[in-house]
């Protein structure tokens, strides 16, 4: 019997489906797509150790989640600053370790990929390489988390098809970035497409972040664009920061001052959110202490009554109840179950130690 010559249409991995929630991309302790708003900040290019450390320390203190800096550079002019290359990779890795920030840099060429992937936490494919399919496949095979930036003339569909090249290499750790489309007004240069954020999120399960760097006007335009991106539901933000933007070796005036970045973070409410997280963490620790105290008290009662310390049925019931509560509250039940298993395991150990000491 002859076979049907019509090729089977592939199921695109980037598209949102009823059974696919928004993908959460983890880079160390940073999460894209979980409802938080990571801010990725740093200079357009590493110029020196002093310059990079000054920016890294400043953005860390202001609440940035990741440190981003250019290492190998490709400027419009062949005479522009090409970056420090391999030296910049070492400096970026060092700055990340010193500040505790995860690091990201752009990969321009597959020849640099192994070196960068060995020393940086996240890779970036810039707008000029959005349809460099060989590079997309190579970074996908690296297994590293990746930021894929929309090209200046690319449609949303073209961005998602470019994303398929990475996802097809079994690398789901992909974040999309809206950076701007080429327009005709010299006052705005590349126009950041705020509407693309919800449009992409309706089509795809991948996190979407915003990078308002191409807009001329420095902080006067970058700040409202960053605010607009967040208001539109973006999953994070990239901001270029330099100690002295007017004399930077790269960036064409698209970098904020350190002071401007601090102002932006205040207006985004990032420090306030960090404070709220710290407060909640302290409350969680207090509740864990109370739970542990009660657990040990129950152990003493059980021993006095000749009952077994451990009740597997009760533990299973607790785990099921925790998972049900998680679903009701819109939290991943597997995440809650994993936490509760750790809590129960430590409680059992504490009970055995307490009873053994009596």
C-alpha atoms as a PDB file:
ATOM      1  CA  UNK A   1       0.000   0.000   0.000  1.00  0.00           C
ATOM      2  CA  UNK A   2       1.584   3.381  -0.992  1.00  0.00           C
ATOM      3  CA  UNK A   3       2.523   5.753   1.783  1.00  0.00           C
ATOM      4  CA  UNK A   4       1.172   9.259   2.058  1.00  0.00           C
ATOM      5  CA  UNK A   5       3.894  11.594   0.653  1.00  0.00           C
ATOM      6  CA  UNK A   6       2.506  14.551   2.596  1.00  0.00           C
ATOM      7  CA  UNK A   7       4.992  15.421   5.368  1.00  0.00           C
ATOM      8  CA  UNK A   8       3.695  15.501   8.924  1.00  0.00           C
ATOM      9  CA  UNK A   9       3.460  19.038  10.215  1.00  0.00           C
ATOM     10  CA  UNK A  10       5.720  19.322  13.298  1.00  0.00           C
ATOM     11  CA  UNK A  11       4.330  20.442  16.635  1.00  0.00           C
ATOM     12  CA  UNK A  12       6.133  23.672  17.482  1.00  0.00           C
ATOM     13  CA  UNK A  13       7.687  23.502  20.936  1.00  0.00           C
ATOM     14  CA  UNK A  14       7.490  27.252  21.569  1.00  0.00           C
ATOM     15  CA  UNK A  15       3.706  27.496  21.287  1.00  0.00           C
ATOM     16  CA  UNK A  16       1.433  27.667  24.300  1.00  0.00           C
ATOM     17  CA  UNK A  17      -0.902  24.707  24.702  1.00  0.00           C
ATOM     18  CA  UNK A  18      -3.582  23.954  27.296  1.00  0.00           C
ATOM     19  CA  UNK A  19      -1.306  21.416  28.979  1.00  0.00           C
ATOM     20  CA  UNK A  20       1.750  23.710  28.991  1.00  0.00           C
ATOM     21  CA  UNK A  21       2.173  26.377  31.671  1.00  0.00           C
ATOM     22  CA  UNK A  22       4.593  29.282  31.421  1.00  0.00           C
ATOM     23  CA  UNK A  23       8.092  27.861  31.472  1.00  0.00           C
ATOM     24  CA  UNK A  24      10.195  28.923  34.451  1.00  0.00           C
ATOM     25  CA  UNK A  25      13.837  29.356  33.442  1.00  0.00           C
ATOM     26  CA  UNK A  26      16.267  29.077  36.343  1.00  0.00           C
ATOM     27  CA  UNK A  27      19.716  30.679  36.384  1.00  0.00           C
ATOM     28  CA  UNK A  28      21.119  29.898  39.800  1.00  0.00           C
ATOM     29  CA  UNK A  29      18.664  31.450  42.243  1.00  0.00           C
ATOM     30  CA  UNK A  30      17.157  33.714  39.569  1.00  0.00           C
ATOM     31  CA  UNK A  31      13.832  32.731  38.007  1.00  0.00           C
ATOM     32  CA  UNK A  32      12.300  34.030  34.779  1.00  0.00           C
ATOM     33  CA  UNK A  33       8.600  33.319  34.341  1.00  0.00           C
ATOM     34  CA  UNK A  34       7.593  32.614  37.946  1.00  0.00           C
ATOM     35  CA  UNK A  35       5.940  35.996  38.548  1.00  0.00           C
ATOM     36  CA  UNK A  36       9.079  37.723  39.817  1.00  0.00           C
ATOM     37  CA  UNK A  37      10.766  40.510  37.855  1.00  0.00           C
ATOM     38  CA  UNK A  38      14.524  39.867  37.543  1.00  0.00           C
ATOM     39  CA  UNK A  39      16.591  42.858  36.455  1.00  0.00           C
ATOM     40  CA  UNK A  40      19.695  42.062  34.396  1.00  0.00           C
ATOM     41  CA  UNK A  41      22.168  44.942  34.430  1.00  0.00           C
ATOM     42  CA  UNK A  42      25.714  45.847  33.481  1.00  0.00           C
ATOM     43  CA  UNK A  43      27.842  47.640  30.898  1.00  0.00           C
ATOM     44  CA  UNK A  44      27.493  47.225  27.142  1.00  0.00           C
ATOM     45  CA  UNK A  45      31.155  46.194  27.107  1.00  0.00           C
ATOM     46  CA  UNK A  46      33.790  45.225  29.644  1.00  0.00           C
ATOM     47  CA  UNK A  47      36.425  47.961  29.395  1.00  0.00           C
ATOM     48  CA  UNK A  48      38.532  47.225  32.468  1.00  0.00           C
ATOM     49  CA  UNK A  49      38.390  45.401  35.774  1.00  0.00           C
ATOM     50  CA  UNK A  50      37.781  48.653  37.676  1.00  0.00           C
ATOM     51  CA  UNK A  51      34.918  49.670  35.380  1.00  0.00           C
ATOM     52  CA  UNK A  52      33.208  46.289  35.584  1.00  0.00           C
ATOM     53  CA  UNK A  53      33.578  45.916  39.352  1.00  0.00           C
ATOM     54  CA  UNK A  54      32.248  49.433  39.917  1.00  0.00           C
ATOM     55  CA  UNK A  55      29.114  48.650  37.909  1.00  0.00           C
ATOM     56  CA  UNK A  56      28.699  45.140  39.324  1.00  0.00           C
ATOM     57  CA  UNK A  57      28.903  46.334  42.912  1.00  0.00           C
ATOM     58  CA  UNK A  58      26.504  49.223  42.273  1.00  0.00           C
ATOM     59  CA  UNK A  59      23.816  47.213  40.481  1.00  0.00           C
ATOM     60  CA  UNK A  60      24.036  44.447  43.087  1.00  0.00           C
ATOM     61  CA  UNK A  61      23.420  46.965  45.880  1.00  0.00           C
ATOM     62  CA  UNK A  62      20.459  48.421  43.971  1.00  0.00           C
ATOM     63  CA  UNK A  63      18.784  45.027  43.646  1.00  0.00           C
ATOM     64  CA  UNK A  64      19.830  43.662  40.244  1.00  0.00           C
ATOM     65  CA  UNK A  65      19.466  39.897  39.845  1.00  0.00           C
ATOM     66  CA  UNK A  66      22.121  39.266  37.199  1.00  0.00           C
ATOM     67  CA  UNK A  67      25.266  40.893  35.796  1.00  0.00           C
ATOM     68  CA  UNK A  68      25.392  41.332  32.017  1.00  0.00           C
ATOM     69  CA  UNK A  69      28.371  42.652  30.074  1.00  0.00           C
ATOM     70  CA  UNK A  70      29.695  42.483  26.522  1.00  0.00           C
ATOM     71  CA  UNK A  71      32.891  40.467  26.104  1.00  0.00           C
ATOM     72  CA  UNK A  72      33.355  39.909  22.368  1.00  0.00           C
ATOM     73  CA  UNK A  73      31.870  42.875  20.485  1.00  0.00           C
ATOM     74  CA  UNK A  74      30.583  43.462  16.943  1.00  0.00           C
ATOM     75  CA  UNK A  75      30.093  47.173  16.218  1.00  0.00           C
ATOM     76  CA  UNK A  76      28.514  48.699  13.117  1.00  0.00           C
ATOM     77  CA  UNK A  77      31.895  50.165  12.222  1.00  0.00           C
ATOM     78  CA  UNK A  78      34.887  47.816  11.775  1.00  0.00           C
ATOM     79  CA  UNK A  79      36.907  50.419  13.692  1.00  0.00           C
ATOM     80  CA  UNK A  80      34.731  50.320  16.807  1.00  0.00           C
ATOM     81  CA  UNK A  81      35.701  48.774  20.136  1.00  0.00           C
ATOM     82  CA  UNK A  82      35.849  44.996  19.690  1.00  0.00           C
ATOM     83  CA  UNK A  83      35.807  44.180  23.399  1.00  0.00           C
ATOM     84  CA  UNK A  84      38.450  42.526  25.532  1.00  0.00           C
ATOM     85  CA  UNK A  85      37.454  39.042  24.428  1.00  0.00           C
ATOM     86  CA  UNK A  86      38.835  36.236  26.552  1.00  0.00           C
ATOM     87  CA  UNK A  87      40.111  38.663  29.201  1.00  0.00           C
ATOM     88  CA  UNK A  88      36.579  40.063  29.525  1.00  0.00           C
ATOM     89  CA  UNK A  89      35.214  36.553  30.116  1.00  0.00           C
ATOM     90  CA  UNK A  90      37.558  36.082  33.075  1.00  0.00           C
ATOM     91  CA  UNK A  91      36.727  39.525  34.455  1.00  0.00           C
ATOM     92  CA  UNK A  92      32.981  38.889  34.144  1.00  0.00           C
ATOM     93  CA  UNK A  93      33.253  35.546  35.914  1.00  0.00           C
ATOM     94  CA  UNK A  94      35.294  37.147  38.700  1.00  0.00           C
ATOM     95  CA  UNK A  95      32.850  40.055  39.114  1.00  0.00           C
ATOM     96  CA  UNK A  96      29.939  37.622  39.309  1.00  0.00           C
ATOM     97  CA  UNK A  97      31.630  35.616  42.040  1.00  0.00           C
ATOM     98  CA  UNK A  98      32.593  38.720  43.988  1.00  0.00           C
ATOM     99  CA  UNK A  99      29.062  40.126  43.975  1.00  0.00           C
ATOM    100  CA  UNK A 100      27.104  36.872  44.034  1.00  0.00           C
ATOM    101  CA  UNK A 101      25.352  37.757  40.777  1.00  0.00           C
ATOM    102  CA  UNK A 102      24.738  35.226  38.021  1.00  0.00           C
ATOM    103  CA  UNK A 103      26.348  36.321  34.739  1.00  0.00           C
ATOM    104  CA  UNK A 104      25.292  36.605  31.092  1.00  0.00           C
ATOM    105  CA  UNK A 105      27.045  37.709  27.923  1.00  0.00           C
ATOM    106  CA  UNK A 106      26.305  37.660  24.208  1.00  0.00           C
ATOM    107  CA  UNK A 107      27.726  34.907  21.991  1.00  0.00           C
ATOM    108  CA  UNK A 108      28.662  36.267  18.559  1.00  0.00           C
ATOM    109  CA  UNK A 109      30.331  33.217  17.072  1.00  0.00           C
ATOM    110  CA  UNK A 110      30.269  29.473  17.691  1.00  0.00           C
ATOM    111  CA  UNK A 111      34.061  29.625  17.916  1.00  0.00           C
ATOM    112  CA  UNK A 112      33.743  31.421  21.260  1.00  0.00           C
ATOM    113  CA  UNK A 113      30.899  29.277  22.604  1.00  0.00           C
ATOM    114  CA  UNK A 114      32.806  26.678  24.616  1.00  0.00           C
ATOM    115  CA  UNK A 115      34.954  29.306  26.334  1.00  0.00           C
ATOM    116  CA  UNK A 116      31.970  31.463  27.252  1.00  0.00           C
ATOM    117  CA  UNK A 117      29.778  28.544  28.337  1.00  0.00           C
ATOM    118  CA  UNK A 118      32.497  27.313  30.706  1.00  0.00           C
ATOM    119  CA  UNK A 119      32.665  30.603  32.601  1.00  0.00           C
ATOM    120  CA  UNK A 120      29.268  32.353  32.289  1.00  0.00           C
ATOM    121  CA  UNK A 121      25.905  31.285  33.730  1.00  0.00           C
ATOM    122  CA  UNK A 122      23.661  32.325  30.824  1.00  0.00           C
ATOM    123  CA  UNK A 123      24.191  32.921  27.100  1.00  0.00           C
ATOM    124  CA  UNK A 124      22.630  35.614  24.950  1.00  0.00           C
ATOM    125  CA  UNK A 125      21.958  35.597  21.218  1.00  0.00           C
ATOM    126  CA  UNK A 126      21.713  39.199  20.057  1.00  0.00           C
ATOM    127  CA  UNK A 127      19.287  40.698  17.527  1.00  0.00           C
ATOM    128  CA  UNK A 128      21.753  40.541  14.634  1.00  0.00           C
ATOM    129  CA  UNK A 129      22.080  36.773  15.123  1.00  0.00           C
ATOM    130  CA  UNK A 130      18.423  35.971  15.713  1.00  0.00           C
ATOM    131  CA  UNK A 131      18.322  34.042  12.427  1.00  0.00           C
ATOM    132  CA  UNK A 132      21.863  32.682  12.541  1.00  0.00           C
ATOM    133  CA  UNK A 133      20.529  29.149  12.606  1.00  0.00           C
ATOM    134  CA  UNK A 134      23.928  27.489  12.996  1.00  0.00           C
ATOM    135  CA  UNK A 135      24.628  29.577  16.101  1.00  0.00           C
ATOM    136  CA  UNK A 136      21.140  28.903  17.457  1.00  0.00           C
ATOM    137  CA  UNK A 137      21.665  25.166  17.181  1.00  0.00           C
ATOM    138  CA  UNK A 138      25.081  25.402  18.806  1.00  0.00           C
ATOM    139  CA  UNK A 139      23.942  27.442  21.807  1.00  0.00           C
ATOM    140  CA  UNK A 140      20.966  25.114  22.170  1.00  0.00           C
ATOM    141  CA  UNK A 141      23.313  22.124  22.431  1.00  0.00           C
ATOM    142  CA  UNK A 142      25.296  23.877  25.172  1.00  0.00           C
ATOM    143  CA  UNK A 143      22.494  23.156  27.652  1.00  0.00           C
ATOM    144  CA  UNK A 144      22.927  26.637  29.133  1.00  0.00           C
ATOM    145  CA  UNK A 145      20.005  28.995  29.784  1.00  0.00           C
ATOM    146  CA  UNK A 146      19.681  31.379  26.831  1.00  0.00           C
ATOM    147  CA  UNK A 147      18.264  34.824  26.084  1.00  0.00           C
ATOM    148  CA  UNK A 148      17.141  35.133  22.446  1.00  0.00           C
ATOM    149  CA  UNK A 149      16.619  38.731  21.323  1.00  0.00           C
ATOM    150  CA  UNK A 150      14.159  39.696  18.615  1.00  0.00           C
ATOM    151  CA  UNK A 151      15.836  41.156  15.531  1.00  0.00           C
ATOM    152  CA  UNK A 152      15.164  44.797  14.549  1.00  0.00           C
ATOM    153  CA  UNK A 153      13.088  43.779  11.508  1.00  0.00           C
ATOM    154  CA  UNK A 154      11.713  40.453  12.736  1.00  0.00           C
ATOM    155  CA  UNK A 155       8.072  39.577  13.240  1.00  0.00           C
ATOM    156  CA  UNK A 156       6.836  37.772  16.324  1.00  0.00           C
ATOM    157  CA  UNK A 157       6.377  34.597  14.260  1.00  0.00           C
ATOM    158  CA  UNK A 158       9.973  34.826  13.026  1.00  0.00           C
ATOM    159  CA  UNK A 159      11.191  35.201  16.622  1.00  0.00           C
ATOM    160  CA  UNK A 160       9.254  32.107  17.688  1.00  0.00           C
ATOM    161  CA  UNK A 161      10.558  30.100  14.738  1.00  0.00           C
ATOM    162  CA  UNK A 162      14.111  31.116  15.670  1.00  0.00           C
ATOM    163  CA  UNK A 163      13.347  29.898  19.201  1.00  0.00           C
ATOM    164  CA  UNK A 164      12.435  26.504  17.730  1.00  0.00           C
ATOM    165  CA  UNK A 165      16.046  25.985  16.639  1.00  0.00           C
ATOM    166  CA  UNK A 166      17.128  26.162  20.297  1.00  0.00           C
ATOM    167  CA  UNK A 167      14.201  24.158  21.658  1.00  0.00           C
ATOM    168  CA  UNK A 168      14.758  21.495  19.002  1.00  0.00           C
ATOM    169  CA  UNK A 169      18.121  20.761  20.651  1.00  0.00           C
ATOM    170  CA  UNK A 170      16.237  19.674  23.805  1.00  0.00           C
ATOM    171  CA  UNK A 171      17.114  22.887  25.621  1.00  0.00           C
ATOM    172  CA  UNK A 172      13.938  24.292  27.227  1.00  0.00           C
ATOM    173  CA  UNK A 173      15.785  27.002  29.194  1.00  0.00           C
ATOM    174  CA  UNK A 174      14.976  29.845  26.827  1.00  0.00           C
ATOM    175  CA  UNK A 175      13.975  33.445  27.528  1.00  0.00           C
ATOM    176  CA  UNK A 176      12.753  35.717  24.732  1.00  0.00           C
ATOM    177  CA  UNK A 177      13.693  39.398  24.672  1.00  0.00           C
ATOM    178  CA  UNK A 178      11.915  42.342  23.037  1.00  0.00           C
ATOM    179  CA  UNK A 179      14.540  44.974  22.182  1.00  0.00           C
ATOM    180  CA  UNK A 180      12.980  47.088  19.472  1.00  0.00           C
ATOM    181  CA  UNK A 181      12.024  47.174  15.816  1.00  0.00           C
ATOM    182  CA  UNK A 182      13.601  49.465  13.256  1.00  0.00           C
ATOM    183  CA  UNK A 183      11.540  52.587  12.675  1.00  0.00           C
ATOM    184  CA  UNK A 184      11.833  55.829  10.746  1.00  0.00           C
ATOM    185  CA  UNK A 185      12.047  58.447  13.484  1.00  0.00           C
ATOM    186  CA  UNK A 186      15.651  59.329  14.420  1.00  0.00           C
ATOM    187  CA  UNK A 187      14.515  60.491  17.859  1.00  0.00           C
ATOM    188  CA  UNK A 188      13.538  56.971  18.904  1.00  0.00           C
ATOM    189  CA  UNK A 189      15.819  54.825  16.659  1.00  0.00           C
ATOM    190  CA  UNK A 190      14.660  51.228  17.243  1.00  0.00           C
ATOM    191  CA  UNK A 191      11.108  51.339  18.593  1.00  0.00           C
ATOM    192  CA  UNK A 192      10.451  49.065  21.563  1.00  0.00           C
ATOM    193  CA  UNK A 193       7.260  47.130  20.837  1.00  0.00           C
ATOM    194  CA  UNK A 194       5.424  46.994  24.161  1.00  0.00           C
ATOM    195  CA  UNK A 195       2.470  45.228  22.529  1.00  0.00           C
ATOM    196  CA  UNK A 196       4.763  42.353  21.553  1.00  0.00           C
ATOM    197  CA  UNK A 197       5.035  41.278  25.202  1.00  0.00           C
ATOM    198  CA  UNK A 198       1.411  40.186  25.728  1.00  0.00           C
ATOM    199  CA  UNK A 199       1.199  39.077  22.092  1.00  0.00           C
ATOM    200  CA  UNK A 200       4.117  36.677  22.523  1.00  0.00           C
ATOM    201  CA  UNK A 201       2.805  35.503  25.889  1.00  0.00           C
ATOM    202  CA  UNK A 202      -0.530  34.594  24.306  1.00  0.00           C
ATOM    203  CA  UNK A 203       1.238  32.525  21.656  1.00  0.00           C
ATOM    204  CA  UNK A 204       4.130  31.052  23.640  1.00  0.00           C
ATOM    205  CA  UNK A 205       4.858  29.563  27.055  1.00  0.00           C
ATOM    206  CA  UNK A 206       8.371  31.067  27.069  1.00  0.00           C
ATOM    207  CA  UNK A 207       9.198  33.980  29.415  1.00  0.00           C
ATOM    208  CA  UNK A 208       9.527  37.385  27.740  1.00  0.00           C
ATOM    209  CA  UNK A 209      11.750  40.206  28.987  1.00  0.00           C
ATOM    210  CA  UNK A 210      12.299  43.742  27.726  1.00  0.00           C
ATOM    211  CA  UNK A 211      15.510  45.585  26.815  1.00  0.00           C
ATOM    212  CA  UNK A 212      14.839  49.278  26.056  1.00  0.00           C
ATOM    213  CA  UNK A 213      18.488  50.095  25.242  1.00  0.00           C
ATOM    214  CA  UNK A 214      18.127  51.206  21.598  1.00  0.00           C
ATOM    215  CA  UNK A 215      15.850  54.123  22.443  1.00  0.00           C
ATOM    216  CA  UNK A 216      17.659  57.463  22.313  1.00  0.00           C
ATOM    217  CA  UNK A 217      17.221  59.841  25.210  1.00  0.00           C
ATOM    218  CA  UNK A 218      18.996  57.916  27.961  1.00  0.00           C
ATOM    219  CA  UNK A 219      17.138  57.661  31.256  1.00  0.00           C
ATOM    220  CA  UNK A 220      14.418  60.024  29.993  1.00  0.00           C
ATOM    221  CA  UNK A 221      13.090  57.337  27.643  1.00  0.00           C
ATOM    222  CA  UNK A 222      14.552  54.141  29.076  1.00  0.00           C
ATOM    223  CA  UNK A 223      12.869  54.563  32.439  1.00  0.00           C
ATOM    224  CA  UNK A 224       9.275  54.948  31.156  1.00  0.00           C
ATOM    225  CA  UNK A 225       9.843  52.109  28.685  1.00  0.00           C
ATOM    226  CA  UNK A 226      11.044  49.865  31.513  1.00  0.00           C
ATOM    227  CA  UNK A 227       7.963  50.798  33.534  1.00  0.00           C
ATOM    228  CA  UNK A 228       5.697  50.205  30.530  1.00  0.00           C
ATOM    229  CA  UNK A 229       7.257  46.797  29.921  1.00  0.00           C
ATOM    230  CA  UNK A 230       6.577  45.759  33.462  1.00  0.00           C
ATOM    231  CA  UNK A 231       3.031  47.068  33.265  1.00  0.00           C
ATOM    232  CA  UNK A 232       2.499  45.000  30.108  1.00  0.00           C
ATOM    233  CA  UNK A 233       3.479  41.851  31.994  1.00  0.00           C
ATOM    234  CA  UNK A 234       7.139  41.393  31.040  1.00  0.00           C
ATOM    235  CA  UNK A 235       8.996  38.662  32.932  1.00  0.00           C
ATOM    236  CA  UNK A 236      12.118  40.757  33.475  1.00  0.00           C
ATOM    237  CA  UNK A 237      14.256  43.651  32.305  1.00  0.00           C
ATOM    238  CA  UNK A 238      17.701  44.284  30.827  1.00  0.00           C
ATOM    239  CA  UNK A 239      19.341  47.630  31.586  1.00  0.00           C
ATOM    240  CA  UNK A 240      22.739  48.818  30.356  1.00  0.00           C
ATOM    241  CA  UNK A 241      24.681  50.692  33.046  1.00  0.00           C
ATOM    242  CA  UNK A 242      28.037  52.492  32.901  1.00  0.00           C
ATOM    243  CA  UNK A 243      29.913  54.685  35.415  1.00  0.00           C
ATOM    244  CA  UNK A 244      30.531  57.319  32.718  1.00  0.00           C
ATOM    245  CA  UNK A 245      28.234  56.745  29.710  1.00  0.00           C
ATOM    246  CA  UNK A 246      29.446  59.847  27.832  1.00  0.00           C
ATOM    247  CA  UNK A 247      32.954  58.408  27.618  1.00  0.00           C
ATOM    248  CA  UNK A 248      32.080  54.731  27.187  1.00  0.00           C
ATOM    249  CA  UNK A 249      33.973  52.782  24.537  1.00  0.00           C
ATOM    250  CA  UNK A 250      30.730  51.198  23.290  1.00  0.00           C
ATOM    251  CA  UNK A 251      27.008  51.714  23.606  1.00  0.00           C
ATOM    252  CA  UNK A 252      26.181  54.826  21.571  1.00  0.00           C
ATOM    253  CA  UNK A 253      24.762  56.676  24.569  1.00  0.00           C
ATOM    254  CA  UNK A 254      22.310  53.888  25.441  1.00  0.00           C
ATOM    255  CA  UNK A 255      23.686  53.277  28.943  1.00  0.00           C
ATOM    256  CA  UNK A 256      22.330  54.608  32.221  1.00  0.00           C
ATOM    257  CA  UNK A 257      24.489  56.104  34.898  1.00  0.00           C
ATOM    258  CA  UNK A 258      24.787  54.221  38.170  1.00  0.00           C
ATOM    259  CA  UNK A 259      22.672  56.912  39.830  1.00  0.00           C
ATOM    260  CA  UNK A 260      20.044  56.662  37.099  1.00  0.00           C
ATOM    261  CA  UNK A 261      19.861  52.899  37.581  1.00  0.00           C
ATOM    262  CA  UNK A 262      19.320  53.333  41.317  1.00  0.00           C
ATOM    263  CA  UNK A 263      16.463  55.758  40.615  1.00  0.00           C
ATOM    264  CA  UNK A 264      14.914  53.324  38.143  1.00  0.00           C
ATOM    265  CA  UNK A 265      15.081  50.437  40.604  1.00  0.00           C
ATOM    266  CA  UNK A 266      13.430  52.567  43.279  1.00  0.00           C
ATOM    267  CA  UNK A 267      10.600  53.467  40.907  1.00  0.00           C
ATOM    268  CA  UNK A 268      10.185  49.851  39.878  1.00  0.00           C
ATOM    269  CA  UNK A 269       9.902  49.033  43.565  1.00  0.00           C
ATOM    270  CA  UNK A 270      12.642  46.407  43.368  1.00  0.00           C
ATOM    271  CA  UNK A 271      14.299  47.280  46.725  1.00  0.00           C
ATOM    272  CA  UNK A 272      10.884  47.248  48.375  1.00  0.00           C
ATOM    273  CA  UNK A 273      10.145  43.820  46.922  1.00  0.00           C
ATOM    274  CA  UNK A 274      13.530  42.553  48.125  1.00  0.00           C
ATOM    275  CA  UNK A 275      12.696  43.831  51.617  1.00  0.00           C
ATOM    276  CA  UNK A 276       9.315  42.086  51.456  1.00  0.00           C
ATOM    277  CA  UNK A 277      10.973  38.821  50.441  1.00  0.00           C
ATOM    278  CA  UNK A 278      13.434  39.137  53.336  1.00  0.00           C
ATOM    279  CA  UNK A 279      10.530  39.742  55.740  1.00  0.00           C
ATOM    280  CA  UNK A 280       8.647  36.720  54.427  1.00  0.00           C
ATOM    281  CA  UNK A 281      11.757  34.556  54.703  1.00  0.00           C
ATOM    282  CA  UNK A 282      12.094  35.503  58.361  1.00  0.00           C
ATOM    283  CA  UNK A 283       8.425  34.631  58.927  1.00  0.00           C
ATOM    284  CA  UNK A 284       8.921  31.257  57.254  1.00  0.00           C
ATOM    285  CA  UNK A 285      11.863  30.511  59.550  1.00  0.00           C
ATOM    286  CA  UNK A 286       9.794  31.433  62.611  1.00  0.00           C
ATOM    287  CA  UNK A 287       6.970  29.143  61.464  1.00  0.00           C
ATOM    288  CA  UNK A 288       9.436  26.312  60.856  1.00  0.00           C
ATOM    289  CA  UNK A 289      10.721  26.746  64.399  1.00  0.00           C
ATOM    290  CA  UNK A 290       7.173  26.554  65.803  1.00  0.00           C
ATOM    291  CA  UNK A 291       6.388  23.480  63.712  1.00  0.00           C
ATOM    292  CA  UNK A 292       9.583  21.744  64.821  1.00  0.00           C
ATOM    293  CA  UNK A 293       8.844  22.514  68.476  1.00  0.00           C
ATOM    294  CA  UNK A 294       5.354  21.020  68.152  1.00  0.00           C
ATOM    295  CA  UNK A 295       6.717  17.987  66.316  1.00  0.00           C
ATOM    296  CA  UNK A 296       9.193  17.232  69.105  1.00  0.00           C
ATOM    297  CA  UNK A 297       6.404  17.697  71.687  1.00  0.00           C
ATOM    298  CA  UNK A 298       4.292  15.099  69.875  1.00  0.00           C
ATOM    299  CA  UNK A 299       7.259  12.697  69.907  1.00  0.00           C
ATOM    300  CA  UNK A 300       7.470  12.839  73.714  1.00  0.00           C
ATOM    301  CA  UNK A 301       3.712  12.215  74.012  1.00  0.00           C
ATOM    302  CA  UNK A 302       3.910   9.219  71.668  1.00  0.00           C
ATOM    303  CA  UNK A 303       6.785   7.667  73.626  1.00  0.00           C
ATOM    304  CA  UNK A 304       4.939   8.167  76.917  1.00  0.00           C
ATOM    305  CA  UNK A 305       1.906   6.349  75.489  1.00  0.00           C
ATOM    306  CA  UNK A 306       3.940   3.588  73.847  1.00  0.00           C
ATOM    307  CA  UNK A 307       3.031   4.681  70.301  1.00  0.00           C
ATOM    308  CA  UNK A 308       5.244   4.455  67.224  1.00  0.00           C
ATOM    309  CA  UNK A 309       7.059   7.668  66.386  1.00  0.00           C
ATOM    310  CA  UNK A 310       6.449   7.487  62.676  1.00  0.00           C
ATOM    311  CA  UNK A 311       3.062   7.301  60.982  1.00  0.00           C
ATOM    312  CA  UNK A 312       3.534   6.816  57.211  1.00  0.00           C
ATOM    313  CA  UNK A 313      -0.204   7.140  56.549  1.00  0.00           C
ATOM    314  CA  UNK A 314      -0.303  10.485  58.360  1.00  0.00           C
ATOM    315  CA  UNK A 315       2.754  11.723  56.437  1.00  0.00           C
ATOM    316  CA  UNK A 316       1.178  10.727  53.110  1.00  0.00           C
ATOM    317  CA  UNK A 317      -1.993  12.540  54.125  1.00  0.00           C
ATOM    318  CA  UNK A 318      -0.019  15.699  54.974  1.00  0.00           C
ATOM    319  CA  UNK A 319       1.760  15.614  51.610  1.00  0.00           C
ATOM    320  CA  UNK A 320      -1.526  15.168  49.737  1.00  0.00           C
ATOM    321  CA  UNK A 321      -3.143  18.022  51.652  1.00  0.00           C
ATOM    322  CA  UNK A 322      -0.163  20.284  50.939  1.00  0.00           C
ATOM    323  CA  UNK A 323      -0.358  19.458  47.222  1.00  0.00           C
ATOM    324  CA  UNK A 324      -4.114  20.159  47.172  1.00  0.00           C
ATOM    325  CA  UNK A 325      -3.584  23.510  48.913  1.00  0.00           C
ATOM    326  CA  UNK A 326      -0.866  24.363  46.384  1.00  0.00           C
ATOM    327  CA  UNK A 327      -3.191  23.702  43.447  1.00  0.00           C
ATOM    328  CA  UNK A 328      -5.896  25.847  45.027  1.00  0.00           C
ATOM    329  CA  UNK A 329      -3.420  28.687  45.551  1.00  0.00           C
ATOM    330  CA  UNK A 330      -1.932  28.454  42.064  1.00  0.00           C
ATOM    331  CA  UNK A 331       1.465  27.061  43.147  1.00  0.00           C
ATOM    332  CA  UNK A 332       3.219  24.103  41.537  1.00  0.00           C
ATOM    333  CA  UNK A 333       2.214  21.146  43.772  1.00  0.00           C
ATOM    334  CA  UNK A 334       5.482  19.343  43.020  1.00  0.00           C
ATOM    335  CA  UNK A 335       7.380  22.334  44.422  1.00  0.00           C
ATOM    336  CA  UNK A 336       5.311  22.347  47.634  1.00  0.00           C
ATOM    337  CA  UNK A 337       5.500  18.574  48.009  1.00  0.00           C
ATOM    338  CA  UNK A 338       9.298  18.670  47.697  1.00  0.00           C
ATOM    339  CA  UNK A 339       9.523  21.308  50.427  1.00  0.00           C
ATOM    340  CA  UNK A 340       7.207  19.388  52.743  1.00  0.00           C
ATOM    341  CA  UNK A 341       9.201  16.190  52.261  1.00  0.00           C
ATOM    342  CA  UNK A 342      12.305  18.009  53.480  1.00  0.00           C
ATOM    343  CA  UNK A 343      10.361  19.419  56.445  1.00  0.00           C
ATOM    344  CA  UNK A 344       9.034  15.973  57.381  1.00  0.00           C
ATOM    345  CA  UNK A 345      12.430  14.323  57.039  1.00  0.00           C
ATOM    346  CA  UNK A 346      14.048  16.866  59.357  1.00  0.00           C
ATOM    347  CA  UNK A 347      11.154  16.589  61.825  1.00  0.00           C
ATOM    348  CA  UNK A 348      11.644  12.813  62.029  1.00  0.00           C
ATOM    349  CA  UNK A 349      15.337  13.267  62.739  1.00  0.00           C
ATOM    350  CA  UNK A 350      14.629  15.889  65.401  1.00  0.00           C
ATOM    351  CA  UNK A 351      12.054  13.630  67.060  1.00  0.00           C
ATOM    352  CA  UNK A 352      14.472  10.701  67.190  1.00  0.00           C
ATOM    353  CA  UNK A 353      17.209  12.866  68.664  1.00  0.00           C
ATOM    354  CA  UNK A 354      14.841  14.323  71.270  1.00  0.00           C
ATOM    355  CA  UNK A 355      13.462  10.948  72.339  1.00  0.00           C
ATOM    356  CA  UNK A 356      16.893   9.360  72.380  1.00  0.00           C
ATOM    357  CA  UNK A 357      18.123  12.101  74.711  1.00  0.00           C
ATOM    358  CA  UNK A 358      15.440  11.367  77.331  1.00  0.00           C
END
